[in-house]
C-alpha atoms as a PDB file:
ATOM      1  CA  MET A   1      -6.496  28.485   7.193  1.00  0.00           C
ATOM      2  CA  LYS A   2      -3.789  29.043   4.623  1.00  0.00           C
ATOM      3  CA  LYS A   3      -0.196  28.379   5.576  1.00  0.00           C
ATOM      4  CA  LYS A   4       2.929  29.246   3.657  1.00  0.00           C
ATOM      5  CA  LEU A   5       5.444  26.446   3.228  1.00  0.00           C
ATOM      6  CA  GLU A   6       7.920  28.455   5.316  1.00  0.00           C
ATOM      7  CA  GLU A   7       5.501  28.256   8.272  1.00  0.00           C
ATOM      8  CA  ILE A   8       5.578  24.454   8.301  1.00  0.00           C
ATOM      9  CA  LEU A   9       8.513  23.084  10.279  1.00  0.00           C
ATOM     10  CA  THR A  10      10.028  19.899   8.889  1.00  0.00           C
ATOM     11  CA  ALA A  11      13.145  17.938   9.726  1.00  0.00           C
ATOM     12  CA  ASP A  12      14.377  16.884   6.293  1.00  0.00           C
ATOM     13  CA  HIS A  13      14.246  17.611   2.574  1.00  0.00           C
ATOM     14  CA  ASN A  14      11.835  14.774   1.698  1.00  0.00           C
ATOM     15  CA  SER A  15       9.388  15.916   4.379  1.00  0.00           C
ATOM     16  CA  ARG A  16       9.564  19.490   3.052  1.00  0.00           C
ATOM     17  CA  MET A  17       8.764  18.269  -0.464  1.00  0.00           C
ATOM     18  CA  THR A  18       5.829  16.187   0.780  1.00  0.00           C
ATOM     19  CA  ALA A  19       4.638  19.134   2.881  1.00  0.00           C
ATOM     20  CA  LYS A  20       4.744  21.324  -0.222  1.00  0.00           C
ATOM     21  CA  LYS A  21       2.427  18.906  -2.047  1.00  0.00           C
ATOM     22  CA  VAL A  22       0.070  18.796   0.938  1.00  0.00           C
ATOM     23  CA  VAL A  23       0.005  22.597   1.223  1.00  0.00           C
ATOM     24  CA  GLU A  24      -0.968  22.792  -2.437  1.00  0.00           C
ATOM     25  CA  LYS A  25      -3.979  20.582  -1.604  1.00  0.00           C
ATOM     26  CA  LEU A  26      -5.021  23.087   1.066  1.00  0.00           C
ATOM     27  CA  GLU A  27      -6.310  25.150  -1.834  1.00  0.00           C
ATOM     28  CA  CYS A  28      -8.770  22.287  -2.501  1.00  0.00           C
ATOM     29  CA  GLY A  29     -10.441  22.459   0.903  1.00  0.00           C
ATOM     30  CA  TYR A  30      -7.934  20.644   3.114  1.00  0.00           C
ATOM     31  CA  GLU A  31      -6.906  22.262   6.399  1.00  0.00           C
ATOM     32  CA  ILE A  32      -4.069  21.673   8.845  1.00  0.00           C
ATOM     33  CA  SER A  33      -5.558  20.135  11.996  1.00  0.00           C
ATOM     34  CA  GLY A  34      -2.561  18.789  13.891  1.00  0.00           C
ATOM     35  CA  LEU A  35       1.115  18.018  13.933  1.00  0.00           C
ATOM     36  CA  VAL A  36       3.676  15.320  14.590  1.00  0.00           C
ATOM     37  CA  ILE A  37       6.487  15.739  17.090  1.00  0.00           C
ATOM     38  CA  ILE A  38       9.539  13.482  17.275  1.00  0.00           C
ATOM     39  CA  LYS A  39      12.152  12.585  19.857  1.00  0.00           C
ATOM     40  CA  PRO A  40      15.180  12.267  17.531  1.00  0.00           C
ATOM     41  CA  GLU A  41      17.227  10.144  19.930  1.00  0.00           C
ATOM     42  CA  THR A  42      14.690   7.293  19.865  1.00  0.00           C
ATOM     43  CA  GLY A  43      12.463   7.959  16.850  1.00  0.00           C
ATOM     44  CA  GLU A  44       9.386   8.041  19.102  1.00  0.00           C
ATOM     45  CA  ARG A  45       6.628  10.289  17.825  1.00  0.00           C
ATOM     46  CA  CYS A  46       3.378  11.796  18.948  1.00  0.00           C
ATOM     47  CA  ILE A  47       0.635  12.616  16.462  1.00  0.00           C
ATOM     48  CA  ILE A  48      -1.502  15.446  17.830  1.00  0.00           C
ATOM     49  CA  GLU A  49      -4.840  16.054  16.146  1.00  0.00           C
ATOM     50  CA  MET A  50      -8.230  17.365  17.290  1.00  0.00           C
ATOM     51  CA  SER A  51      -7.134  17.567  20.964  1.00  0.00           C
ATOM     52  CA  ALA A  52      -5.903  13.956  21.015  1.00  0.00           C
ATOM     53  CA  GLY A  53      -2.370  12.598  21.141  1.00  0.00           C
ATOM     54  CA  ARG A  54      -1.244   9.210  19.826  1.00  0.00           C
ATOM     55  CA  TRP A  55       2.196   7.996  20.934  1.00  0.00           C
ATOM     56  CA  LEU A  56       4.085   5.709  18.556  1.00  0.00           C
ATOM     57  CA  ASN A  57       7.490   4.103  18.799  1.00  0.00           C
ATOM     58  CA  LYS A  58       9.780   4.053  15.761  1.00  0.00           C
ATOM     59  CA  GLU A  59       8.568   0.658  14.539  1.00  0.00           C
ATOM     60  CA  GLU A  60       4.880   1.575  14.898  1.00  0.00           C
ATOM     61  CA  MET A  61       5.389   4.794  12.942  1.00  0.00           C
ATOM     62  CA  ARG A  62       7.200   2.954  10.152  1.00  0.00           C
ATOM     63  CA  TRP A  63       4.390   0.411   9.943  1.00  0.00           C
ATOM     64  CA  LEU A  64       1.736   3.137   9.888  1.00  0.00           C
ATOM     65  CA  MET A  65       3.396   5.272   7.228  1.00  0.00           C
ATOM     66  CA  HIS A  66       4.994   2.654   4.973  1.00  0.00           C
ATOM     67  CA  GLU A  67       3.566  -0.818   5.488  1.00  0.00           C
ATOM     68  CA  SER A  68      -0.064  -0.645   6.590  1.00  0.00           C
ATOM     69  CA  GLU A  69      -2.949  -0.539   4.166  1.00  0.00           C
ATOM     70  CA  SER A  70      -5.816   1.853   4.586  1.00  0.00           C
ATOM     71  CA  PRO A  71      -9.162   0.219   5.343  1.00  0.00           C
ATOM     72  CA  LEU A  72     -10.561   2.685   2.802  1.00  0.00           C
ATOM     73  CA  ASN A  73      -8.697   0.772   0.070  1.00  0.00           C
ATOM     74  CA  ASN A  74     -10.200  -2.573   1.148  1.00  0.00           C
ATOM     75  CA  LYS A  75     -13.835  -1.851   0.262  1.00  0.00           C
ATOM     76  CA  ALA A  76     -15.757  -4.946  -0.769  1.00  0.00           C
END
């Protein structure tokens, strides 16, 4: 599934630039499998992927995207 950057809806410039980099990786076998929706008034989000939805408040999303470490990076 190839998507043009214009087909990906994003809320801000930084997200568009990150989306552009991700779309370029689609050429390497990656596919779009979900999306994230946001309630701007509160910052609450829902990540929808493979028929599942995960609800996160603003603080949880910040932790997930900016503070948490991937268990994949903690291999012994």
